[in-house]
Each structure stands twice: as structure tokens, then as C-alpha cells.
Protein backbone atom coordinates (compact mmCIF):
# COMPACT_ATOMS: atom_id res chain seq x y z
CA MET A 1 -0.47 0.25 0.05
CA LEU A 2 1.41 3.32 -0.72
CA ASP A 3 2.05 5.85 1.71
CA LYS A 4 -0.04 9.04 1.91
CA PRO A 5 2.55 11.59 1.38
CA LEU A 6 3.27 9.30 -2.04
CA THR A 7 -0.44 9.20 -2.70
CA LYS A 8 -0.70 12.73 -1.64
CA GLY A 9 1.64 13.81 -4.76
CA ILE A 10 0.20 11.69 -6.82
CA ALA A 11 -3.13 13.02 -7.24
CA PHE A 12 -1.68 16.34 -6.97
CA GLY A 13 0.54 15.41 -9.79
CA LEU A 14 -2.41 14.02 -11.70
CA LEU A 15 -4.33 17.23 -11.28
CA GLY A 16 -1.39 19.38 -12.12
CA GLY A 17 -0.84 17.38 -15.69
CA LEU A 18 -4.86 17.53 -16.02
CA VAL A 19 -5.06 21.67 -15.59
CA GLY A 20 -1.45 22.39 -17.42
CA THR A 21 -3.16 20.22 -20.51
CA PHE A 22 -6.42 22.35 -19.79
CA LEU A 23 -4.31 25.27 -20.62
CA MET A 24 -2.70 23.89 -23.24
CA ASP A 25 -5.97 23.80 -25.15
CA ILE A 26 -7.12 26.98 -23.98
CA VAL A 27 -3.87 27.88 -26.34
CA MET A 28 -4.11 25.94 -28.16
CA VAL A 29 -8.32 26.70 -29.08
CA SER A 30 -7.67 30.31 -29.71
CA THR A 31 -4.56 29.79 -31.36
CA PHE A 32 -6.70 27.90 -33.96
CA LEU A 33 -9.50 29.86 -33.76
CA ILE A 34 -6.90 32.90 -34.76
CA ALA A 35 -5.78 31.11 -38.19
CA GLY A 36 -9.21 30.83 -39.60
CA GLN A 37 -9.26 27.18 -38.62
CA PRO A 38 -12.00 24.77 -36.81
CA ALA A 39 -11.49 25.28 -33.05
CA ASP A 40 -11.11 21.05 -32.80
CA THR A 41 -8.49 20.46 -35.33
CA PHE A 42 -6.00 18.82 -33.30
CA PHE A 43 -7.97 16.61 -31.90
CA SER A 44 -9.94 15.70 -34.49
CA ALA A 45 -6.56 14.93 -35.98
CA VAL A 46 -5.99 12.67 -32.89
CA GLY A 47 -9.14 11.30 -32.72
CA GLU A 48 -9.82 10.53 -36.41
CA LYS A 49 -6.25 8.41 -36.56
CA LEU A 50 -7.93 6.71 -33.91
CA GLY A 51 -11.04 5.86 -35.71
CA TYR A 52 -13.26 7.68 -33.83
CA GLY A 53 -14.22 12.21 -34.06
CA SER A 54 -13.06 14.67 -32.17
CA LEU A 55 -14.01 13.94 -28.56
CA VAL A 56 -11.74 10.96 -28.61
CA GLY A 57 -9.22 13.34 -28.89
CA ILE A 58 -9.66 15.82 -26.34
CA GLY A 59 -9.91 12.42 -24.20
CA VAL A 60 -6.20 11.00 -25.46
CA HIS A 61 -4.84 14.71 -24.64
CA ASN A 62 -6.07 14.95 -21.19
CA LEU A 63 -5.01 11.44 -20.93
CA VAL A 64 -1.37 12.32 -22.18
CA GLY A 65 -1.48 15.44 -19.99
CA MET A 66 -2.16 13.41 -16.84
CA THR A 67 -0.34 10.96 -17.51
CA GLY A 68 2.83 13.08 -18.10
CA GLY A 69 2.02 14.64 -14.78
CA PHE A 70 1.68 11.28 -13.23
CA VAL A 71 5.32 10.66 -13.95
CA PHE A 72 6.73 13.62 -13.39
CA SER A 73 5.00 13.48 -9.15
CA LEU A 74 7.31 10.36 -9.29
CA GLY A 75 10.51 12.05 -10.63
CA VAL A 76 10.19 14.95 -8.29
CA LEU A 77 9.03 12.75 -5.15
CA ASN A 78 11.55 9.89 -5.65
CA ILE A 79 14.77 11.11 -7.78
CA LYS A 80 16.65 13.25 -4.62
CA PRO A 81 17.79 16.14 -7.00
CA PHE A 82 14.34 16.81 -7.98
CA ARG A 83 12.58 16.76 -4.51
CA ILE A 84 11.43 20.23 -3.34
CA ASP A 85 13.31 21.84 -0.50
CA ASN A 86 12.41 25.42 -0.91
CA ARG A 87 10.10 27.74 -2.79
CA ARG A 88 12.32 28.94 -5.76
CA LYS A 89 12.87 25.05 -6.33
CA GLY A 90 8.93 24.55 -6.24
CA LEU A 91 8.04 26.60 -8.49
CA LEU A 92 10.67 26.32 -11.17
CA LEU A 93 9.60 22.47 -10.90
CA GLY A 94 6.09 23.39 -11.06
CA VAL A 95 6.04 25.65 -13.97
CA ALA A 96 8.20 23.31 -15.56
């Protein structure tokens, strides 16, 4: 069974990955709209590669973001040089 700090860190990593992906979605959709393209261009391309539509593309994109957050949180929690020991380091890793 996982200990509480590890579980909490993983949960924050998943949440951070989801929030980061959502913010990336906003920038991506805005960029496509400014360029005169449909807002779901990227999501449709991903979904169509898998044989489905843009909703599956959004799901896959969010799943990739959450996986990235999960891996990042495991790295921060388990690799000594990445452990957060002050606010500056935490802020830099959070922005990364």
C-alpha cells in the first residue's frame, strides 16, 4: 500500500497534468481560431487517427497530460535532486 505523502503527491501530479493540459487546450484552440481554422482541428486529427472523432481526441490529449503529470510527480518524489526543499525550486519545477 502506498504511504500518504506519496499518494498525495501523485494526486497533485495528476491534477497538475490535467490543469496544464486544459491550459494548453485553451491556447491551442485560440490559436486555431485566430488562424481561421476550426477550434477542434487538433482534437479531430488525433481522434480520426484512432478511428473516432474529436471527443476521443480530447480524451486522449487529457490522458497524455495526466500521464505526464503522474510521471513528473513520481520523479519529484523519488529522485533526490528533484525533491522540493525550498519555494524557489518548487516554483521552478511547477513551471516546468
